[in-house]
Structures are given as C-alpha cells and as structure tokens.
Amino acid sequence: MIGNTRVPLPQRPGGRAAFTLIELLVVIAIIAILAAILFPVFAKAREKARQIVCVSNLRQMGNAFTMYISDYDETYPMTYLWKQRLQPYIKTTEINRCPSRRQLPWYYGHGYNIGCQNPFVPGVPLQSEAVIVSPADKILIAEWDRCNAGPPCGPPGLFSGGATSFGGQLQRREMGRWAVTRIHNGGSNVLFCDGHAKWMNPSRYHSTTDHADDSGNPVPADAEAVPEETWRKYWDVTYEAQ
C-alpha cells in the first residue's frame, strides 16, 4: 500500500493471485529441510519395530531351548545343525528370520555361543543346564554375521575347526570371533541362558568392530575387544563375575 493506494498482487490470466518464484523456492526448501529431518526418524522408528519383532522371535527360540533340554537330560544341543534340532519345538522357520535381513536363509543370522578353543572358553553346546553360572548374564544366542558366536579372543579370521561361515559355501572351518552385527540401530538382539532377550550394543559384550570382512577379519581393522573380565562374564558359561 502506497499512501492510500493499494498495490495489487500479481495476477494469473484467470484473475487469481499467483506465487512468485522466490516464494515457491522457499516452500520447496522448507519441505526439503523437513524431509531431511523426518526421514531418518521414520527409518529409526521402522528399525525399532523390526528390532521388537526380533526380540519376540528370540524369546520363542529360548522357549524351544527350554523344551529341548527338558527332553535331553537338561543338556543343550550340539553345535552341528543346532537350529534344525530346535525346529520340532518351534513348528515354523519364520521366527528364525530377521525382518531386517529377509534375504538370509532361515538357518543363518544367529550365533549360538560355542565359546572358544584357544584360549579355552566354555560355550553352551552339550553343556548341562546345571553347569551354567549366572544364566541371566550368559549369552545363548546373538544376532550375528556368522552361524556360531564366540568371545573376541583368539586370532581373527578363519581357522580350523568345524563351524560354518555365513556368506560363503559351507566348509569345515571355524569363523573369526569378530563377526558381530549392528543391524538394529547400531546394535543387535541377544538371548540369554535364562530365557530373557534384549537389545545390546556389541561394544558392551564383544568389541568395537562393526562387522567382519570376507576373510573374517574385523572392520575397522583397529577394532578393540572389551576387557577379558567383561567378555568372560557374557561368554564363559563357567565364569562367575566378581
């Protein structure tokens, strides 16, 4: 308005007021900023929902372990084909699938705590239930980048043994101890010997590694393991934390 004279808005041919180019660019910029803020939030929320599904699946797997050991003199299944041995108590392979890793076969994606041979760390397979000290602290299954799981001790990479390795053909070799996964918002789900399951950051119970490469070596290469008294608390089924 100049003095008492009103300046008319720009008009479209039909007589309606039009947005200027600058106004349109400002609106587009605001929408882009909001999208950049909200999309990561939506992605985290979606992954959180998948994480909750995985926790529920692990609890059902814990129930299957309980039923299995009650039928086999309170003894946990051996390492070889351990998931297949639980199937009669589960009746479906779907609870073995992680919704964030649907591309994996149902028999991959979880690590059974097999301990370690050098240095010797007692794992769960073929152990009597009575042997396991502080079962609420001892890992039974972890979401893992290999078929079997163990503490961050011994040499990384693949070495002789008998465990199978995720990502390649099944060979008689043991996986590196560094194959953690951080599939759910930087962490993964863990099932304990007492049957409870929860999300944990691998930096608490294993190492700062992000994953293992195709040779089983930790990435990043300078990844650090948690202290021995920490990893033994979670992996050594005979260890009593002080």
Protein backbone atom coordinates (compact mmCIF):
# COMPACT_ATOMS: atom_id res chain seq x y z
CA MET A 1 0.00 0.00 0.00
CA ILE A 2 1.49 3.34 -1.01
CA GLY A 3 -0.24 6.16 0.82
CA ASN A 4 -3.89 5.29 0.49
CA THR A 5 -3.32 3.35 -2.72
CA ARG A 6 -3.33 -0.50 -2.52
CA VAL A 7 -0.78 -2.24 -4.74
CA PRO A 8 -2.46 -5.20 -6.43
CA LEU A 9 -0.91 -8.71 -6.18
CA PRO A 10 0.40 -10.28 -9.37
CA GLN A 11 -2.48 -11.84 -11.21
CA ARG A 12 -2.73 -15.01 -13.24
CA PRO A 13 -4.52 -14.80 -16.56
CA GLY A 14 -7.68 -16.03 -14.82
CA GLY A 15 -7.56 -13.20 -12.33
CA ARG A 16 -6.27 -15.23 -9.32
CA ALA A 17 -3.25 -14.20 -7.20
CA ALA A 18 -0.05 -16.13 -8.10
CA PHE A 19 3.03 -17.21 -6.09
CA THR A 20 6.28 -15.65 -7.07
CA LEU A 21 9.28 -17.81 -7.97
CA ILE A 22 11.02 -16.86 -4.74
CA GLU A 23 8.00 -17.93 -2.68
CA LEU A 24 7.91 -21.29 -4.45
CA LEU A 25 11.62 -21.83 -3.84
CA VAL A 26 11.21 -21.01 -0.15
CA VAL A 27 8.37 -23.54 0.18
CA ILE A 28 10.39 -26.21 -1.62
CA ALA A 29 13.39 -25.51 0.61
CA ILE A 30 11.26 -25.85 3.76
CA ILE A 31 9.80 -29.14 2.53
CA ALA A 32 13.29 -30.44 1.75
CA ILE A 33 14.55 -29.48 5.23
CA LEU A 34 11.57 -31.17 6.91
CA ALA A 35 12.09 -34.31 4.83
CA ALA A 36 15.80 -34.41 5.75
CA ILE A 37 14.83 -34.20 9.43
CA LEU A 38 11.91 -36.63 9.40
CA PHE A 39 13.11 -39.40 7.08
CA PRO A 40 15.91 -40.58 9.46
CA VAL A 41 13.40 -40.50 12.32
CA PHE A 42 10.97 -42.66 10.33
CA ALA A 43 13.80 -45.04 9.40
CA LYS A 44 14.82 -45.44 13.06
CA ALA A 45 11.22 -46.00 14.09
CA ARG A 46 10.79 -48.67 11.42
CA GLU A 47 14.01 -50.38 12.51
CA LYS A 48 12.87 -50.20 16.14
CA ALA A 49 9.70 -52.07 15.16
CA ARG A 50 11.77 -54.73 13.43
CA GLN A 51 14.01 -54.98 16.48
CA ILE A 52 10.96 -55.65 18.68
CA VAL A 53 9.87 -58.44 16.32
CA CYS A 54 13.34 -59.99 16.57
CA VAL A 55 13.29 -59.85 20.37
CA SER A 56 9.96 -61.68 20.35
CA ASN A 57 11.39 -64.29 17.98
CA LEU A 58 14.41 -64.83 20.21
CA ARG A 59 12.19 -65.36 23.24
CA GLN A 60 10.33 -68.07 21.34
CA MET A 61 13.66 -69.64 20.45
CA GLY A 62 14.52 -69.52 24.14
CA ASN A 63 11.32 -71.46 24.86
CA ALA A 64 12.38 -74.02 22.25
CA PHE A 65 15.74 -74.44 24.02
CA THR A 66 13.93 -74.96 27.32
CA MET A 67 11.75 -77.69 25.83
CA TYR A 68 14.72 -79.29 24.09
CA ILE A 69 16.87 -79.56 27.22
CA SER A 70 13.93 -80.92 29.21
CA ASP A 71 13.76 -83.79 26.69
CA TYR A 72 17.52 -84.39 26.59
CA ASP A 73 18.61 -84.76 30.22
CA GLU A 74 18.96 -81.00 30.80
CA THR A 75 21.65 -80.82 28.10
CA TYR A 76 21.90 -78.17 25.39
CA PRO A 77 22.07 -79.21 21.72
CA MET A 78 25.38 -79.72 19.96
CA THR A 79 26.74 -77.09 17.59
CA TYR A 80 26.10 -79.00 14.37
CA LEU A 81 22.64 -78.21 12.94
CA TRP A 82 21.53 -76.66 16.22
CA LYS A 83 18.68 -74.69 14.63
CA GLN A 84 17.35 -77.77 12.90
CA ARG A 85 17.36 -79.61 16.25
CA LEU A 86 15.08 -76.92 17.71
CA GLN A 87 12.56 -77.00 14.86
CA PRO A 88 10.31 -79.74 16.31
CA TYR A 89 9.62 -77.34 19.21
CA ILE A 90 9.02 -74.29 17.00
CA LYS A 91 6.99 -75.71 14.08
CA THR A 92 7.90 -72.81 11.79
CA THR A 93 11.11 -71.44 10.36
CA GLU A 94 9.77 -67.88 10.26
CA ILE A 95 10.82 -66.98 13.81
CA ASN A 96 14.39 -67.65 12.69
CA ARG A 97 14.20 -64.78 10.21
CA CYS A 98 15.17 -61.21 10.98
CA PRO A 99 12.85 -58.73 9.22
CA SER A 100 15.87 -56.52 8.57
CA ARG A 101 17.72 -59.37 6.84
CA ARG A 102 14.99 -61.21 4.98
CA GLN A 103 17.45 -62.23 2.28
CA LEU A 104 19.18 -64.69 4.62
CA PRO A 105 18.15 -68.35 4.73
CA TRP A 106 16.33 -69.15 7.97
CA TYR A 107 19.28 -71.15 9.30
CA TYR A 108 21.64 -68.14 9.16
CA GLY A 109 21.69 -64.88 11.09
CA HIS A 110 22.02 -66.11 14.69
CA GLY A 111 25.13 -67.15 16.56
CA TYR A 112 24.99 -69.98 19.12
CA ASN A 113 27.52 -69.39 21.89
CA ILE A 114 30.13 -72.05 21.10
CA GLY A 115 32.84 -70.46 23.23
CA CYS A 116 36.44 -70.60 22.02
CA GLN A 117 39.17 -73.24 21.79
CA ASN A 118 42.31 -71.12 22.09
CA PRO A 119 42.21 -69.71 24.67
CA PHE A 120 39.66 -72.17 26.00
CA VAL A 121 36.32 -70.58 26.82
CA PRO A 122 33.47 -73.00 27.68
CA GLY A 123 30.44 -72.34 25.49
CA VAL A 124 26.88 -73.65 25.70
CA PRO A 125 26.69 -76.67 23.31
CA LEU A 126 26.38 -80.04 25.11
CA GLN A 127 26.62 -78.36 28.49
CA SER A 128 24.36 -79.41 31.32
CA GLU A 129 21.99 -76.68 32.42
CA ALA A 130 23.42 -77.02 35.94
CA VAL A 131 26.91 -76.09 34.71
CA ILE A 132 25.94 -72.61 33.58
CA VAL A 133 26.83 -69.99 36.16
CA SER A 134 24.70 -66.81 36.30
CA PRO A 135 22.49 -67.78 33.33
CA ALA A 136 20.97 -64.28 33.23
CA ASP A 137 24.39 -62.98 32.14
CA LYS A 138 25.46 -65.77 29.78
CA ILE A 139 24.76 -65.33 26.08
CA LEU A 140 22.90 -68.23 24.47
CA ILE A 141 22.19 -66.67 21.03
CA ALA A 142 23.22 -63.37 19.48
CA GLU A 143 22.16 -61.86 16.18
CA TRP A 144 25.36 -62.48 14.30
CA ASP A 145 27.06 -62.28 10.92
CA ARG A 146 28.06 -65.94 11.17
CA CYS A 147 26.28 -69.15 12.19
CA ASN A 148 28.06 -69.51 15.52
CA ALA A 149 29.19 -66.96 18.07
CA GLY A 150 32.10 -66.60 20.42
CA PRO A 151 34.01 -64.09 22.51
CA PRO A 152 36.53 -61.68 20.96
CA CYS A 153 39.54 -63.82 21.81
CA GLY A 154 41.95 -65.88 19.76
CA PRO A 155 43.09 -64.86 16.28
CA PRO A 156 40.63 -63.11 13.98
CA GLY A 157 39.89 -64.54 10.58
CA LEU A 158 39.04 -68.12 9.66
CA PHE A 159 40.91 -71.01 11.23
CA SER A 160 40.50 -74.76 11.55
CA GLY A 161 37.52 -76.07 13.46
CA GLY A 162 34.14 -77.20 12.28
CA ALA A 163 31.78 -74.24 12.31
CA THR A 164 30.16 -72.89 9.20
CA SER A 165 30.60 -69.37 7.95
CA PHE A 166 27.79 -67.11 6.78
CA GLY A 167 28.19 -65.56 3.36
CA GLY A 168 30.01 -68.38 1.61
CA GLN A 169 29.75 -72.07 0.91
CA LEU A 170 29.59 -74.39 3.88
CA GLN A 171 33.12 -75.52 4.60
CA ARG A 172 34.72 -77.23 7.56
CA ARG A 173 36.23 -74.15 9.06
CA GLU A 174 35.60 -72.03 12.10
CA MET A 175 34.58 -68.43 11.81
CA GLY A 176 36.52 -65.49 13.18
CA ARG A 177 35.44 -64.33 16.61
CA TRP A 178 34.78 -60.81 15.38
CA ALA A 179 31.66 -61.26 13.28
CA VAL A 180 29.20 -59.11 15.26
CA THR A 181 26.27 -57.36 13.64
CA ARG A 182 24.72 -53.96 14.34
CA ILE A 183 21.63 -54.45 12.22
CA HIS A 184 19.16 -52.72 14.56
CA ASN A 185 20.07 -49.06 15.01
CA GLY A 186 23.71 -49.76 15.77
CA GLY A 187 23.14 -52.85 17.90
CA SER A 188 21.61 -56.32 17.88
CA ASN A 189 19.42 -58.58 19.97
CA VAL A 190 20.79 -61.12 22.41
CA LEU A 191 19.12 -64.14 24.06
CA PHE A 192 20.47 -65.22 27.45
CA CYS A 193 20.52 -68.65 29.03
CA ASP A 194 17.72 -67.77 31.46
CA GLY A 195 15.40 -67.07 28.51
CA HIS A 196 15.27 -63.28 28.50
CA ALA A 197 16.22 -61.30 25.40
CA LYS A 198 17.13 -57.66 24.84
CA TRP A 199 18.89 -55.24 22.50
CA MET A 200 22.54 -54.58 23.22
CA ASN A 201 25.39 -52.67 21.63
CA PRO A 202 28.20 -55.14 20.78
CA SER A 203 30.66 -52.70 22.32
CA ARG A 204 29.30 -53.81 25.71
CA TYR A 205 29.80 -57.56 25.38
CA HIS A 206 32.19 -58.09 22.47
CA SER A 207 34.14 -55.34 20.72
CA THR A 208 34.01 -52.08 18.81
CA THR A 209 34.07 -53.90 15.47
CA ASP A 210 31.31 -53.12 13.00
CA HIS A 211 31.45 -56.39 11.07
CA ALA A 212 33.89 -58.96 9.70
CA ASP A 213 35.14 -58.88 6.13
CA ASP A 214 35.03 -61.83 3.74
CA SER A 215 38.19 -63.25 5.35
CA GLY A 216 36.78 -62.98 8.86
CA ASN A 217 38.93 -60.00 9.86
CA PRO A 218 37.41 -57.18 11.93
CA VAL A 219 36.29 -53.93 10.34
CA PRO A 220 37.55 -51.41 11.29
CA ALA A 221 40.96 -53.05 11.45
CA ASP A 222 41.80 -51.30 14.73
CA ALA A 223 38.66 -52.56 16.49
CA GLU A 224 39.14 -53.16 20.20
CA ALA A 225 37.76 -56.02 22.27
CA VAL A 226 36.10 -55.46 25.62
CA PRO A 227 38.27 -56.41 28.65
CA GLU A 228 38.56 -60.10 29.45
CA GLU A 229 36.60 -59.85 32.69
CA THR A 230 33.78 -58.33 30.64
CA TRP A 231 33.67 -60.79 27.77
CA ARG A 232 34.05 -63.78 30.11
CA LYS A 233 31.01 -62.58 32.03
CA TYR A 234 28.94 -62.95 28.86
CA TRP A 235 30.58 -65.87 27.01
CA ASP A 236 32.26 -68.20 29.52
CA VAL A 237 29.40 -70.25 30.99
CA THR A 238 31.53 -71.33 34.00
CA TYR A 239 32.75 -67.80 34.86
CA GLU A 240 31.46 -66.07 37.95
CA ALA A 241 31.69 -62.28 37.66
CA GLN A 242 33.19 -60.68 40.74
